[in-house]
Amino acid sequence: MSSSVGLTAITPLAGDVVIDLQAVWKRYYLRSAHNVDLKHAVLHLPSLLRERKAVEFWALKDVSLQVRRGECVGIIGHNGSGKSTLLGLIAGVLRPDRGRVEVRGQVAPLLQLGLGFHPELTGRENAVLNAVLLGLRRKQVRERLEDIIAFAELGNFIDQPVRTYSSGMHSRLAFSVAIHVDADIMLLDEVLAVGDERFRQKCLDRLQAEIRSGKTALFVSHSMDAVKRFCSRAVLLDHGDKLAEGSVDEVAMRYQRIRVV
């Protein structure tokens, strides 16, 4: 068990490996809930606070994984298995409690689309802001802005405050920004529920083109059809443990057996 902790690669990774997780553990602390009425809570607040002890929860346990340049790896498992935590560690928004996470290359985290949008700014303004936050220089943003706007297909709404957007419009703009960052590594977490069927297919086609061009991707989805379409291999997580890694068909069969039990 390794006790070293890291987030970004300081020395070059071996060969074409661009994502390297070694014996990674990630812990959260959960507090127990009390179902009490308001009067009881006011009268007994000090004792309730003492009783609310944090419970240790390991979202990932001793997980190792290597991903090479140009691969698309599917991450599958039931809700709460650790999939999003794994992507959060690779994106750098989480730190491992044990083990090592090394990433080489620019990362585009298509995780919670539009999470950083400001509701009072227009779609255009949010597109510029988020593109900069995702790593583009201002000159690059200016060069790509019209392509971002065209892909999102928001029409005149692009100059309206984002608070007026539907959830579908919100996701369209966020996906368009992320896909135009031209990152080396894409982290995709159930991002295909974007807009209507026609626009969803457009996103699928664009993702497939990015992967074929040699981009590296980690793809979290409950859709086995989507995983089989995009991924060359898959990893199965269950309650924080890595249960299987290999061909998509073999890992999908293992996943189906877990779901039946």
Protein backbone atom coordinates (compact mmCIF):
# COMPACT_ATOMS: atom_id res chain seq x y z
CA MET A 1 0.00 0.00 0.00
CA SER A 2 1.48 3.31 -1.07
CA SER A 3 1.21 6.31 1.22
CA SER A 4 2.44 8.95 -1.20
CA VAL A 5 -0.04 11.54 -2.41
CA GLY A 6 0.15 13.47 -5.69
CA LEU A 7 -2.02 15.12 -8.32
CA THR A 8 0.06 16.13 -11.32
CA ALA A 9 2.94 14.43 -13.06
CA ILE A 10 6.32 15.95 -12.18
CA THR A 11 8.40 13.45 -14.12
CA PRO A 12 7.42 11.92 -17.49
CA LEU A 13 5.25 8.84 -17.34
CA ALA A 14 6.49 5.61 -18.88
CA GLY A 15 5.77 5.10 -22.57
CA ASP A 16 2.43 6.45 -23.78
CA VAL A 17 0.73 6.27 -20.39
CA VAL A 18 -1.05 9.59 -19.77
CA ILE A 19 -3.15 8.60 -16.73
CA ASP A 20 -1.56 6.57 -13.96
CA LEU A 21 -3.32 5.69 -10.71
CA GLN A 22 -1.35 3.63 -8.22
CA ALA A 23 -3.08 2.11 -5.15
CA VAL A 24 -5.45 5.04 -4.79
CA TRP A 25 -7.78 5.41 -1.80
CA LYS A 26 -10.34 8.20 -1.32
CA ARG A 27 -12.20 8.76 1.94
CA TYR A 28 -15.22 10.83 2.87
CA TYR A 29 -16.74 11.47 6.28
CA LEU A 30 -20.51 11.10 6.55
CA ARG A 31 -22.49 12.37 9.51
CA SER A 32 -25.41 10.40 10.86
CA ALA A 33 -28.82 12.07 10.62
CA HIS A 34 -31.35 12.46 13.42
CA ASN A 35 -35.09 12.57 12.78
CA VAL A 36 -36.26 14.83 15.61
CA ASP A 37 -38.87 17.58 15.89
CA LEU A 38 -37.97 21.25 16.30
CA LYS A 39 -38.77 21.39 20.04
CA HIS A 40 -36.54 18.40 20.79
CA ALA A 41 -33.75 19.84 18.64
CA VAL A 42 -33.82 23.18 20.50
CA LEU A 43 -33.92 21.61 23.97
CA HIS A 44 -31.28 18.98 23.29
CA LEU A 45 -29.02 20.68 20.73
CA PRO A 46 -25.71 20.20 22.64
CA SER A 47 -26.27 16.47 23.08
CA LEU A 48 -27.39 16.06 19.46
CA LEU A 49 -24.22 17.74 18.22
CA ARG A 50 -22.10 15.43 20.36
CA GLU A 51 -23.96 12.38 19.06
CA ARG A 52 -23.49 13.27 15.39
CA LYS A 53 -20.25 11.40 14.94
CA ALA A 54 -18.66 11.30 11.52
CA VAL A 55 -18.71 7.89 9.85
CA GLU A 56 -15.74 6.97 7.67
CA PHE A 57 -16.64 6.02 4.09
CA TRP A 58 -14.09 4.86 1.51
CA ALA A 59 -15.32 5.82 -1.98
CA LEU A 60 -12.26 4.18 -3.61
CA LYS A 61 -10.14 1.41 -2.13
CA ASP A 62 -6.71 0.51 -3.49
CA VAL A 63 -7.58 1.26 -7.12
CA SER A 64 -4.83 1.14 -9.75
CA LEU A 65 -5.36 2.04 -13.41
CA GLN A 66 -3.25 3.03 -16.40
CA VAL A 67 -4.62 4.66 -19.54
CA ARG A 68 -2.53 5.17 -22.66
CA ARG A 69 -2.71 7.96 -25.19
CA GLY A 70 -5.54 7.45 -27.68
CA GLU A 71 -7.52 5.00 -25.54
CA CYS A 72 -11.17 5.37 -24.59
CA VAL A 73 -11.80 3.46 -21.37
CA GLY A 74 -15.30 2.89 -20.02
CA ILE A 75 -15.87 3.14 -16.27
CA ILE A 76 -19.01 1.25 -15.25
CA GLY A 77 -20.73 0.30 -12.01
CA HIS A 78 -23.86 0.96 -10.01
CA ASN A 79 -24.59 4.33 -8.37
CA GLY A 80 -22.18 4.92 -5.51
CA SER A 81 -19.50 2.60 -6.85
CA GLY A 82 -16.86 5.37 -7.05
CA LYS A 83 -16.99 6.27 -10.75
CA SER A 84 -17.40 10.04 -10.34
CA THR A 85 -14.86 10.10 -7.52
CA LEU A 86 -12.35 8.44 -9.84
CA LEU A 87 -12.90 11.10 -12.51
CA GLY A 88 -12.72 13.86 -9.89
CA LEU A 89 -9.29 12.64 -8.82
CA ILE A 90 -8.04 12.59 -12.41
CA ALA A 91 -9.51 16.05 -13.04
CA GLY A 92 -7.62 17.37 -10.01
CA VAL A 93 -10.69 18.57 -8.12
CA LEU A 94 -10.17 15.86 -5.48
CA ARG A 95 -7.05 14.68 -3.70
CA PRO A 96 -6.35 11.03 -2.89
CA ASP A 97 -5.97 10.10 0.77
CA ARG A 98 -3.49 7.37 -0.16
CA GLY A 99 -1.75 6.40 -3.36
CA ARG A 100 -0.67 8.43 -6.37
CA VAL A 101 -2.49 10.05 -9.29
CA GLU A 102 -0.41 11.24 -12.24
CA VAL A 103 -1.85 12.90 -15.33
CA ARG A 104 0.07 14.15 -18.37
CA GLY A 105 -1.73 16.52 -20.73
CA GLN A 106 -4.53 19.07 -20.65
CA VAL A 107 -7.78 17.71 -19.22
CA ALA A 108 -11.33 18.67 -20.25
CA PRO A 109 -13.66 17.49 -17.47
CA LEU A 110 -17.14 17.05 -18.98
CA LEU A 111 -18.50 16.09 -15.58
CA GLN A 112 -21.29 18.35 -14.30
CA LEU A 113 -21.96 20.36 -17.42
CA GLY A 114 -22.31 24.07 -16.81
CA LEU A 115 -21.61 23.83 -13.10
CA GLY A 116 -19.58 27.04 -13.20
CA PHE A 117 -22.04 29.12 -15.22
CA HIS A 118 -23.08 32.44 -13.69
CA PRO A 119 -26.87 32.84 -14.02
CA GLU A 120 -26.74 36.62 -14.54
CA LEU A 121 -24.17 36.48 -17.35
CA THR A 122 -25.23 35.83 -20.93
CA GLY A 123 -24.52 32.58 -22.72
CA ARG A 124 -21.79 34.31 -24.73
CA GLU A 125 -20.15 35.71 -21.58
CA ASN A 126 -20.32 32.35 -19.82
CA ALA A 127 -18.82 30.63 -22.86
CA VAL A 128 -15.82 32.98 -22.74
CA LEU A 129 -15.41 32.64 -18.98
CA ASN A 130 -15.64 28.84 -18.95
CA ALA A 131 -13.31 28.42 -21.92
CA VAL A 132 -10.67 30.44 -20.06
CA LEU A 133 -11.25 28.41 -16.88
CA LEU A 134 -10.78 25.22 -18.91
CA GLY A 135 -7.37 26.39 -20.07
CA LEU A 136 -7.77 28.38 -23.29
CA ARG A 137 -5.90 31.65 -23.74
CA ARG A 138 -8.01 34.69 -24.58
CA LYS A 139 -6.76 34.71 -28.17
CA GLN A 140 -7.83 31.08 -28.55
CA VAL A 141 -11.24 31.89 -27.09
CA ARG A 142 -11.74 34.67 -29.62
CA GLU A 143 -10.75 32.32 -32.44
CA ARG A 144 -13.15 29.55 -31.33
CA LEU A 145 -16.05 31.51 -29.90
CA GLU A 146 -18.17 31.54 -33.05
CA ASP A 147 -17.67 27.78 -33.49
CA ILE A 148 -18.74 27.25 -29.86
CA ILE A 149 -21.86 29.34 -30.40
CA ALA A 150 -22.71 27.65 -33.70
CA PHE A 151 -22.38 24.15 -32.23
CA ALA A 152 -24.64 25.00 -29.27
CA GLU A 153 -27.46 26.11 -31.61
CA LEU A 154 -28.98 28.58 -29.15
CA GLY A 155 -29.84 31.29 -31.67
CA ASN A 156 -30.55 34.68 -30.12
CA PHE A 157 -30.60 33.15 -26.65
CA ILE A 158 -26.80 33.22 -26.69
CA ASP A 159 -27.03 36.88 -25.61
CA GLN A 160 -29.63 36.29 -22.91
CA PRO A 161 -28.82 35.59 -19.22
CA VAL A 162 -28.25 31.91 -18.52
CA ARG A 163 -30.92 32.05 -15.79
CA THR A 164 -33.47 32.17 -18.63
CA TYR A 165 -32.16 28.91 -20.15
CA SER A 166 -33.86 25.54 -19.94
CA SER A 167 -31.76 22.65 -18.62
CA GLY A 168 -31.29 21.43 -22.20
CA MET A 169 -30.00 24.82 -23.40
CA HIS A 170 -27.71 24.98 -20.39
CA SER A 171 -26.20 21.59 -21.24
CA ARG A 172 -25.85 22.42 -24.93
CA LEU A 173 -23.71 25.45 -24.23
CA ALA A 174 -21.62 23.69 -21.60
CA PHE A 175 -20.94 20.71 -23.85
CA SER A 176 -20.02 22.98 -26.76
CA VAL A 177 -17.51 24.91 -24.66
CA ALA A 178 -15.90 21.75 -23.30
CA ILE A 179 -15.61 20.01 -26.66
CA HIS A 180 -13.93 23.06 -28.25
CA VAL A 181 -11.19 23.30 -25.62
CA ASP A 182 -9.25 20.73 -27.67
CA ALA A 183 -7.80 19.03 -24.59
CA ASP A 184 -5.59 15.94 -24.65
CA ILE A 185 -7.78 14.02 -22.18
CA MET A 186 -11.59 14.07 -21.94
CA LEU A 187 -13.41 12.96 -18.80
CA LEU A 188 -17.02 12.16 -19.66
CA ASP A 189 -19.56 11.54 -16.89
CA GLU A 190 -23.05 10.76 -18.24
CA VAL A 191 -22.83 13.80 -20.53
CA LEU A 192 -24.92 12.34 -23.34
CA ALA A 193 -28.25 13.42 -21.85
CA VAL A 194 -27.90 16.67 -23.76
CA GLY A 195 -30.87 18.27 -25.50
CA ASP A 196 -33.14 16.47 -27.93
CA GLU A 197 -32.38 13.27 -29.84
CA ARG A 198 -30.98 15.07 -32.89
CA PHE A 199 -28.60 17.20 -30.82
CA ARG A 200 -27.61 14.18 -28.71
CA GLN A 201 -26.63 12.34 -31.89
CA LYS A 202 -24.62 15.37 -32.97
CA CYS A 203 -22.73 15.22 -29.66
CA LEU A 204 -22.13 11.49 -30.05
CA ASP A 205 -20.72 12.01 -33.53
CA ARG A 206 -18.44 14.79 -32.31
CA LEU A 207 -17.17 12.69 -29.41
CA GLN A 208 -16.50 9.78 -31.74
CA ALA A 209 -14.54 12.07 -34.08
CA GLU A 210 -12.45 13.37 -31.15
CA ILE A 211 -11.63 9.85 -30.02
CA ARG A 212 -10.73 8.74 -33.55
CA SER A 213 -8.37 11.72 -33.84
CA GLY A 214 -6.28 10.25 -31.02
CA LYS A 215 -7.70 11.93 -27.93
CA THR A 216 -7.70 9.99 -24.67
CA ALA A 217 -11.04 9.57 -22.90
CA LEU A 218 -12.52 8.09 -19.75
CA PHE A 219 -16.21 7.50 -20.22
CA VAL A 220 -18.66 6.92 -17.35
CA SER A 221 -22.09 5.70 -18.40
CA HIS A 222 -24.87 3.33 -17.40
CA SER A 223 -25.55 2.76 -21.09
CA MET A 224 -23.70 -0.38 -22.18
CA ASP A 225 -24.51 0.41 -25.81
CA ALA A 226 -22.69 3.74 -25.51
CA VAL A 227 -19.72 2.13 -23.74
CA LYS A 228 -19.47 -0.52 -26.47
CA ARG A 229 -19.67 2.15 -29.17
CA PHE A 230 -16.89 4.32 -27.79
CA CYS A 231 -14.59 2.24 -25.61
CA SER A 232 -11.81 -0.21 -26.37
CA ARG A 233 -11.85 -1.63 -22.83
CA ALA A 234 -13.73 -1.16 -19.57
CA VAL A 235 -13.25 -1.09 -15.81
CA LEU A 236 -15.88 -2.25 -13.33
CA LEU A 237 -16.12 -0.56 -9.92
CA ASP A 238 -18.26 -1.83 -7.05
CA HIS A 239 -18.44 -0.13 -3.64
CA GLY A 240 -15.05 1.48 -4.26
CA ASP A 241 -13.29 -1.71 -5.36
CA LYS A 242 -12.04 -2.43 -8.86
CA LEU A 243 -13.67 -5.78 -9.64
CA ALA A 244 -12.71 -6.24 -13.28
CA GLU A 245 -10.76 -4.72 -16.15
CA GLY A 246 -10.64 -5.96 -19.74
CA SER A 247 -12.68 -6.13 -22.92
CA VAL A 248 -15.97 -4.23 -22.86
CA ASP A 249 -18.04 -7.37 -23.50
CA GLU A 250 -16.44 -9.33 -20.65
CA VAL A 251 -16.67 -6.49 -18.14
CA ALA A 252 -20.26 -5.74 -19.17
CA MET A 253 -21.20 -9.38 -18.52
CA ARG A 254 -19.64 -9.17 -15.04
CA TYR A 255 -21.59 -5.96 -14.41
CA GLN A 256 -24.85 -7.61 -15.42
CA ARG A 257 -24.22 -10.45 -12.98
CA ILE A 258 -23.71 -7.93 -10.14
CA ARG A 259 -26.95 -6.14 -11.03
CA VAL A 260 -28.91 -9.38 -10.97
CA VAL A 261 -27.65 -10.39 -7.50
